[in-house]
Amino acid sequence: MKLVKKALVTATGLLLLLIGVVFIILPGPAVLIIPLALGVLAIEYPIAKKWLRVFQKKMKQSAEWADRRWRAFKMKS
């Protein structure tokens, strides 16, 4: 039963990750799909949990940077 669960988690996670990578090239919600895929894979794989944390950290840094830029732009206007 555990092997079946691991196989399903792996297949689902890899499929979502593949779709996310395709959405990097094509228009689509890659920023939503890739962390979802990493979250699914993190159920069984510690390395996926590590990469999910890295992704979350980078997204937070990007959001803070964009917020600073937006506030600076609004101050000039």
PDB file of N, CA and C in Angstrom:
ATOM      1  N   MET A   1       0.824  -1.194   0.000  1.00  0.00           N
ATOM      2  CA  MET A   1       0.000   0.000   0.000  1.00  0.00           C
ATOM      3  C   MET A   1       0.865   1.254   0.000  1.00  0.00           C
ATOM      4  N   LYS A   2       1.964   1.234   0.790  1.00  0.00           N
ATOM      5  CA  LYS A   2       2.852   2.385   0.836  1.00  0.00           C
ATOM      6  C   LYS A   2       3.523   2.618  -0.518  1.00  0.00           C
ATOM      7  N   LEU A   3       3.845   1.543  -1.192  1.00  0.00           N
ATOM      8  CA  LEU A   3       4.465   1.659  -2.511  1.00  0.00           C
ATOM      9  C   LEU A   3       3.494   2.275  -3.520  1.00  0.00           C
ATOM     10  N   VAL A   4       2.222   1.918  -3.418  1.00  0.00           N
ATOM     11  CA  VAL A   4       1.211   2.482  -4.311  1.00  0.00           C
ATOM     12  C   VAL A   4       1.064   3.983  -4.058  1.00  0.00           C
ATOM     13  N   LYS A   5       1.040   4.369  -2.772  1.00  0.00           N
ATOM     14  CA  LYS A   5       0.926   5.788  -2.418  1.00  0.00           C
ATOM     15  C   LYS A   5       2.119   6.570  -2.961  1.00  0.00           C
ATOM     16  N   LYS A   6       3.308   6.011  -2.775  1.00  0.00           N
ATOM     17  CA  LYS A   6       4.510   6.691  -3.264  1.00  0.00           C
ATOM     18  C   LYS A   6       4.484   6.816  -4.784  1.00  0.00           C
ATOM     19  N   ALA A   7       4.034   5.784  -5.463  1.00  0.00           N
ATOM     20  CA  ALA A   7       3.961   5.827  -6.923  1.00  0.00           C
ATOM     21  C   ALA A   7       2.951   6.874  -7.394  1.00  0.00           C
ATOM     22  N   LEU A   8       1.795   6.955  -6.737  1.00  0.00           N
ATOM     23  CA  LEU A   8       0.784   7.944  -7.107  1.00  0.00           C
ATOM     24  C   LEU A   8       1.273   9.368  -6.837  1.00  0.00           C
ATOM     25  N   VAL A   9       1.901   9.568  -5.691  1.00  0.00           N
ATOM     26  CA  VAL A   9       2.435  10.898  -5.354  1.00  0.00           C
ATOM     27  C   VAL A   9       3.510  11.291  -6.360  1.00  0.00           C
ATOM     28  N   THR A  10       4.387  10.366  -6.686  1.00  0.00           N
ATOM     29  CA  THR A  10       5.458  10.642  -7.636  1.00  0.00           C
ATOM     30  C   THR A  10       4.897  10.960  -9.022  1.00  0.00           C
ATOM     31  N   ALA A  11       3.972  10.157  -9.497  1.00  0.00           N
ATOM     32  CA  ALA A  11       3.400  10.382 -10.832  1.00  0.00           C
ATOM     33  C   ALA A  11       2.651  11.712 -10.889  1.00  0.00           C
ATOM     34  N   THR A  12       1.843  11.990  -9.876  1.00  0.00           N
ATOM     35  CA  THR A  12       1.088  13.243  -9.851  1.00  0.00           C
ATOM     36  C   THR A  12       2.022  14.442  -9.772  1.00  0.00           C
ATOM     37  N   GLY A  13       3.001  14.369  -8.875  1.00  0.00           N
ATOM     38  CA  GLY A  13       3.951  15.469  -8.717  1.00  0.00           C
ATOM     39  C   GLY A  13       4.764  15.728  -9.972  1.00  0.00           C
ATOM     40  N   LEU A  14       5.238  14.666 -10.601  1.00  0.00           N
ATOM     41  CA  LEU A  14       6.030  14.837 -11.813  1.00  0.00           C
ATOM     42  C   LEU A  14       5.187  15.373 -12.967  1.00  0.00           C
ATOM     43  N   LEU A  15       3.945  14.931 -13.057  1.00  0.00           N
ATOM     44  CA  LEU A  15       3.058  15.446 -14.099  1.00  0.00           C
ATOM     45  C   LEU A  15       2.810  16.944 -13.895  1.00  0.00           C
ATOM     46  N   LEU A  16       2.516  17.332 -12.662  1.00  0.00           N
ATOM     47  CA  LEU A  16       2.307  18.753 -12.376  1.00  0.00           C
ATOM     48  C   LEU A  16       3.577  19.564 -12.635  1.00  0.00           C
ATOM     49  N   LEU A  17       4.718  19.017 -12.259  1.00  0.00           N
ATOM     50  CA  LEU A  17       5.989  19.711 -12.483  1.00  0.00           C
ATOM     51  C   LEU A  17       6.256  19.879 -13.973  1.00  0.00           C
ATOM     52  N   LEU A  18       5.985  18.848 -14.746  1.00  0.00           N
ATOM     53  CA  LEU A  18       6.152  18.930 -16.198  1.00  0.00           C
ATOM     54  C   LEU A  18       5.228  19.995 -16.792  1.00  0.00           C
ATOM     55  N   ILE A  19       3.994  20.023 -16.340  1.00  0.00           N
ATOM     56  CA  ILE A  19       3.056  21.045 -16.819  1.00  0.00           C
ATOM     57  C   ILE A  19       3.557  22.434 -16.437  1.00  0.00           C
ATOM     58  N   GLY A  20       4.082  22.577 -15.217  1.00  0.00           N
ATOM     59  CA  GLY A  20       4.620  23.864 -14.787  1.00  0.00           C
ATOM     60  C   GLY A  20       5.793  24.313 -15.633  1.00  0.00           C
ATOM     61  N   VAL A  21       6.675  23.390 -15.976  1.00  0.00           N
ATOM     62  CA  VAL A  21       7.823  23.730 -16.814  1.00  0.00           C
ATOM     63  C   VAL A  21       7.356  24.121 -18.215  1.00  0.00           C
ATOM     64  N   VAL A  22       6.361  23.437 -18.733  1.00  0.00           N
ATOM     65  CA  VAL A  22       5.808  23.791 -20.043  1.00  0.00           C
ATOM     66  C   VAL A  22       5.214  25.198 -19.978  1.00  0.00           C
ATOM     67  N   PHE A  23       4.568  25.528 -18.856  1.00  0.00           N
ATOM     68  CA  PHE A  23       3.966  26.854 -18.701  1.00  0.00           C
ATOM     69  C   PHE A  23       5.006  27.958 -18.530  1.00  0.00           C
ATOM     70  N   ILE A  24       6.248  27.613 -18.287  1.00  0.00           N
ATOM     71  CA  ILE A  24       7.291  28.637 -18.294  1.00  0.00           C
ATOM     72  C   ILE A  24       7.498  29.126 -19.726  1.00  0.00           C
ATOM     73  N   ILE A  25       7.453  28.194 -20.656  1.00  0.00           N
ATOM     74  CA  ILE A  25       7.666  28.527 -22.062  1.00  0.00           C
ATOM     75  C   ILE A  25       6.391  29.080 -22.695  1.00  0.00           C
ATOM     76  N   LEU A  26       5.283  28.405 -22.470  1.00  0.00           N
ATOM     77  CA  LEU A  26       3.992  28.837 -22.999  1.00  0.00           C
ATOM     78  C   LEU A  26       3.291  29.726 -21.971  1.00  0.00           C
ATOM     79  N   PRO A  27       2.351  30.529 -22.405  1.00  0.00           N
ATOM     80  CA  PRO A  27       1.620  31.332 -21.423  1.00  0.00           C
ATOM     81  C   PRO A  27       0.790  30.440 -20.502  1.00  0.00           C
ATOM     82  N   GLY A  28       0.980  30.635 -19.225  1.00  0.00           N
ATOM     83  CA  GLY A  28       0.227  29.841 -18.261  1.00  0.00           C
ATOM     84  C   GLY A  28       0.698  30.126 -16.846  1.00  0.00           C
ATOM     85  N   PRO A  29       0.031  29.557 -15.871  1.00  0.00           N
ATOM     86  CA  PRO A  29       0.319  29.850 -14.464  1.00  0.00           C
ATOM     87  C   PRO A  29       1.456  29.009 -13.880  1.00  0.00           C
ATOM     88  N   ALA A  30       2.639  29.111 -14.437  1.00  0.00           N
ATOM     89  CA  ALA A  30       3.777  28.325 -13.952  1.00  0.00           C
ATOM     90  C   ALA A  30       4.098  28.643 -12.499  1.00  0.00           C
ATOM     91  N   VAL A  31       3.918  29.896 -12.110  1.00  0.00           N
ATOM     92  CA  VAL A  31       4.240  30.309 -10.743  1.00  0.00           C
ATOM     93  C   VAL A  31       3.304  29.634  -9.735  1.00  0.00           C
ATOM     94  N   LEU A  32       2.153  29.202 -10.170  1.00  0.00           N
ATOM     95  CA  LEU A  32       1.232  28.483  -9.293  1.00  0.00           C
ATOM     96  C   LEU A  32       1.411  26.969  -9.371  1.00  0.00           C
ATOM     97  N   ILE A  33       1.672  26.474 -10.559  1.00  0.00           N
ATOM     98  CA  ILE A  33       1.737  25.027 -10.772  1.00  0.00           C
ATOM     99  C   ILE A  33       3.018  24.423 -10.191  1.00  0.00           C
ATOM    100  N   ILE A  34       4.155  25.080 -10.358  1.00  0.00           N
ATOM    101  CA  ILE A  34       5.418  24.515  -9.885  1.00  0.00           C
ATOM    102  C   ILE A  34       5.439  24.348  -8.364  1.00  0.00           C
ATOM    103  N   PRO A  35       5.028  25.366  -7.561  1.00  0.00           N
ATOM    104  CA  PRO A  35       5.004  25.111  -6.120  1.00  0.00           C
ATOM    105  C   PRO A  35       3.979  24.042  -5.717  1.00  0.00           C
ATOM    106  N   LEU A  36       2.882  23.959  -6.447  1.00  0.00           N
ATOM    107  CA  LEU A  36       1.905  22.902  -6.188  1.00  0.00           C
ATOM    108  C   LEU A  36       2.549  21.534  -6.411  1.00  0.00           C
ATOM    109  N   ALA A  37       3.280  21.403  -7.504  1.00  0.00           N
ATOM    110  CA  ALA A  37       3.970  20.142  -7.797  1.00  0.00           C
ATOM    111  C   ALA A  37       5.004  19.820  -6.729  1.00  0.00           C
ATOM    112  N   LEU A  38       5.758  20.827  -6.311  1.00  0.00           N
ATOM    113  CA  LEU A  38       6.760  20.587  -5.264  1.00  0.00           C
ATOM    114  C   LEU A  38       6.091  20.215  -3.941  1.00  0.00           C
ATOM    115  N   GLY A  39       4.943  20.815  -3.673  1.00  0.00           N
ATOM    116  CA  GLY A  39       4.202  20.463  -2.459  1.00  0.00           C
ATOM    117  C   GLY A  39       3.734  19.018  -2.478  1.00  0.00           C
ATOM    118  N   VAL A  40       3.273  18.567  -3.626  1.00  0.00           N
ATOM    119  CA  VAL A  40       2.842  17.167  -3.754  1.00  0.00           C
ATOM    120  C   VAL A  40       4.046  16.235  -3.603  1.00  0.00           C
ATOM    121  N   LEU A  41       5.140  16.569  -4.272  1.00  0.00           N
ATOM    122  CA  LEU A  41       6.338  15.717  -4.182  1.00  0.00           C
ATOM    123  C   LEU A  41       6.950  15.744  -2.782  1.00  0.00           C
ATOM    124  N   ALA A  42       6.768  16.846  -2.050  1.00  0.00           N
ATOM    125  CA  ALA A  42       7.331  16.961  -0.698  1.00  0.00           C
ATOM    126  C   ALA A  42       6.684  15.992   0.282  1.00  0.00           C
ATOM    127  N   ILE A  43       5.535  15.444  -0.081  1.00  0.00           N
ATOM    128  CA  ILE A  43       4.895  14.439   0.773  1.00  0.00           C
ATOM    129  C   ILE A  43       5.808  13.229   0.942  1.00  0.00           C
ATOM    130  N   GLU A  44       6.527  12.876  -0.102  1.00  0.00           N
ATOM    131  CA  GLU A  44       7.368  11.679  -0.083  1.00  0.00           C
ATOM    132  C   GLU A  44       8.875  11.945  -0.166  1.00  0.00           C
ATOM    133  N   TYR A  45       9.261  13.110  -0.673  1.00  0.00           N
ATOM    134  CA  TYR A  45      10.676  13.350  -0.933  1.00  0.00           C
ATOM    135  C   TYR A  45      11.173  14.601  -0.202  1.00  0.00           C
ATOM    136  N   PRO A  46      12.136  14.446   0.702  1.00  0.00           N
ATOM    137  CA  PRO A  46      12.676  15.598   1.438  1.00  0.00           C
ATOM    138  C   PRO A  46      13.342  16.636   0.528  1.00  0.00           C
ATOM    139  N   ILE A  47      13.940  16.217  -0.570  1.00  0.00           N
ATOM    140  CA  ILE A  47      14.593  17.167  -1.472  1.00  0.00           C
ATOM    141  C   ILE A  47      13.558  18.099  -2.106  1.00  0.00           C
ATOM    142  N   ALA A  48      12.361  17.595  -2.368  1.00  0.00           N
ATOM    143  CA  ALA A  48      11.301  18.444  -2.915  1.00  0.00           C
ATOM    144  C   ALA A  48      10.868  19.479  -1.888  1.00  0.00           C
ATOM    145  N   LYS A  49      10.851  19.086  -0.607  1.00  0.00           N
ATOM    146  CA  LYS A  49      10.514  20.035   0.456  1.00  0.00           C
ATOM    147  C   LYS A  49      11.562  21.134   0.521  1.00  0.00           C
ATOM    148  N   LYS A  50      12.827  20.766   0.332  1.00  0.00           N
ATOM    149  CA  LYS A  50      13.906  21.758   0.334  1.00  0.00           C
ATOM    150  C   LYS A  50      13.719  22.752  -0.815  1.00  0.00           C
ATOM    151  N   TRP A  51      13.427  22.244  -2.009  1.00  0.00           N
ATOM    152  CA  TRP A  51      13.247  23.112  -3.173  1.00  0.00           C
ATOM    153  C   TRP A  51      11.990  23.964  -3.059  1.00  0.00           C
ATOM    154  N   LEU A  52      10.972  23.437  -2.394  1.00  0.00           N
ATOM    155  CA  LEU A  52       9.767  24.226  -2.152  1.00  0.00           C
ATOM    156  C   LEU A  52      10.091  25.408  -1.244  1.00  0.00           C
ATOM    157  N   ARG A  53      10.890  25.182  -0.217  1.00  0.00           N
ATOM    158  CA  ARG A  53      11.308  26.269   0.683  1.00  0.00           C
ATOM    159  C   ARG A  53      12.138  27.314  -0.075  1.00  0.00           C
ATOM    160  N   VAL A  54      13.028  26.857  -0.941  1.00  0.00           N
ATOM    161  CA  VAL A  54      13.827  27.788  -1.748  1.00  0.00           C
ATOM    162  C   VAL A  54      12.915  28.616  -2.641  1.00  0.00           C
ATOM    163  N   PHE A  55      11.955  27.966  -3.283  1.00  0.00           N
ATOM    164  CA  PHE A  55      11.014  28.660  -4.157  1.00  0.00           C
ATOM    165  C   PHE A  55      10.216  29.697  -3.369  1.00  0.00           C
ATOM    166  N   GLN A  56       9.743  29.320  -2.195  1.00  0.00           N
ATOM    167  CA  GLN A  56       8.976  30.242  -1.361  1.00  0.00           C
ATOM    168  C   GLN A  56       9.828  31.447  -0.956  1.00  0.00           C
ATOM    169  N   LYS A  57      11.077  31.197  -0.614  1.00  0.00           N
ATOM    170  CA  LYS A  57      11.970  32.289  -0.219  1.00  0.00           C
ATOM    171  C   LYS A  57      12.196  33.254  -1.384  1.00  0.00           C
ATOM    172  N   LYS A  58      12.446  32.706  -2.569  1.00  0.00           N
ATOM    173  CA  LYS A  58      12.672  33.553  -3.748  1.00  0.00           C
ATOM    174  C   LYS A  58      11.421  34.339  -4.124  1.00  0.00           C
ATOM    175  N   MET A  59      10.259  33.719  -4.001  1.00  0.00           N
ATOM    176  CA  MET A  59       9.013  34.423  -4.312  1.00  0.00           C
ATOM    177  C   MET A  59       8.773  35.562  -3.320  1.00  0.00           C
ATOM    178  N   LYS A  60       9.096  35.328  -2.055  1.00  0.00           N
ATOM    179  CA  LYS A  60       8.942  36.378  -1.048  1.00  0.00           C
ATOM    180  C   LYS A  60       9.884  37.537  -1.347  1.00  0.00           C
ATOM    181  N   GLN A  61      11.127  37.225  -1.695  1.00  0.00           N
ATOM    182  CA  GLN A  61      12.089  38.271  -2.039  1.00  0.00           C
ATOM    183  C   GLN A  61      11.627  39.050  -3.267  1.00  0.00           C
ATOM    184  N   SER A  62      11.087  38.357  -4.251  1.00  0.00           N
ATOM    185  CA  SER A  62      10.593  39.030  -5.462  1.00  0.00           C
ATOM    186  C   SER A  62       9.418  39.941  -5.149  1.00  0.00           C
ATOM    187  N   ALA A  63       8.521  39.478  -4.296  1.00  0.00           N
ATOM    188  CA  ALA A  63       7.359  40.293  -3.925  1.00  0.00           C
ATOM    189  C   ALA A  63       7.801  41.534  -3.144  1.00  0.00           C
ATOM    190  N   GLU A  64       8.757  41.376  -2.251  1.00  0.00           N
ATOM    191  CA  GLU A  64       9.256  42.529  -1.493  1.00  0.00           C
ATOM    192  C   GLU A  64       9.948  43.524  -2.416  1.00  0.00           C
ATOM    193  N   TRP A  65      10.717  43.029  -3.375  1.00  0.00           N
ATOM    194  CA  TRP A  65      11.392  43.902  -4.332  1.00  0.00           C
ATOM    195  C   TRP A  65      10.370  44.676  -5.155  1.00  0.00           C
ATOM    196  N   ALA A  66       9.352  43.962  -5.652  1.00  0.00           N
ATOM    197  CA  ALA A  66       8.319  44.616  -6.459  1.00  0.00           C
ATOM    198  C   ALA A  66       7.561  45.652  -5.632  1.00  0.00           C
ATOM    199  N   ASP A  67       7.317  45.358  -4.369  1.00  0.00           N
ATOM    200  CA  ASP A  67       6.628  46.305  -3.501  1.00  0.00           C
ATOM    201  C   ASP A  67       7.465  47.568  -3.295  1.00  0.00           C
ATOM    202  N   ARG A  68       8.768  47.393  -3.078  1.00  0.00           N
ATOM    203  CA  ARG A  68       9.655  48.559  -2.922  1.00  0.00           C
ATOM    204  C   ARG A  68       9.671  49.399  -4.190  1.00  0.00           C
ATOM    205  N   ARG A  69       9.750  48.740  -5.337  1.00  0.00           N
ATOM    206  CA  ARG A  69       9.767  49.465  -6.614  1.00  0.00           C
ATOM    207  C   ARG A  69       8.456  50.218  -6.831  1.00  0.00           C
ATOM    208  N   TRP A  70       7.344  49.581  -6.501  1.00  0.00           N
ATOM    209  CA  TRP A  70       6.045  50.205  -6.687  1.00  0.00           C
ATOM    210  C   TRP A  70       5.898  51.424  -5.778  1.00  0.00           C
ATOM    211  N   ARG A  71       6.330  51.274  -4.532  1.00  0.00           N
ATOM    212  CA  ARG A  71       6.245  52.407  -3.593  1.00  0.00           C
ATOM    213  C   ARG A  71       7.136  53.560  -4.047  1.00  0.00           C
ATOM    214  N   ALA A  72       8.321  53.260  -4.559  1.00  0.00           N
ATOM    215  CA  ALA A  72       9.217  54.316  -5.072  1.00  0.00           C
ATOM    216  C   ALA A  72       8.600  54.997  -6.293  1.00  0.00           C
ATOM    217  N   PHE A  73       7.963  54.241  -7.141  1.00  0.00           N
ATOM    218  CA  PHE A  73       7.303  54.801  -8.323  1.00  0.00           C
ATOM    219  C   PHE A  73       6.152  55.714  -7.913  1.00  0.00           C
ATOM    220  N   LYS A  74       5.369  55.282  -6.939  1.00  0.00           N
ATOM    221  CA  LYS A  74       4.236  56.087  -6.500  1.00  0.00           C
ATOM    222  C   LYS A  74       4.691  57.372  -5.818  1.00  0.00           C
ATOM    223  N   MET A  75       5.847  57.354  -5.142  1.00  0.00           N
ATOM    224  CA  MET A  75       6.367  58.541  -4.484  1.00  0.00           C
ATOM    225  C   MET A  75       6.778  59.602  -5.517  1.00  0.00           C
ATOM    226  N   LYS A  76       7.283  59.141  -6.670  1.00  0.00           N
ATOM    227  CA  LYS A  76       7.712  60.077  -7.727  1.00  0.00           C
ATOM    228  C   LYS A  76       6.512  60.720  -8.418  1.00  0.00           C
ATOM    229  N   SER A  77       5.409  60.019  -8.473  1.00  0.00           N
ATOM    230  CA  SER A  77       4.235  60.516  -9.198  1.00  0.00           C
ATOM    231  C   SER A  77       3.500  61.579  -8.412  1.00  0.00           C
TER     232      SER A  77
END
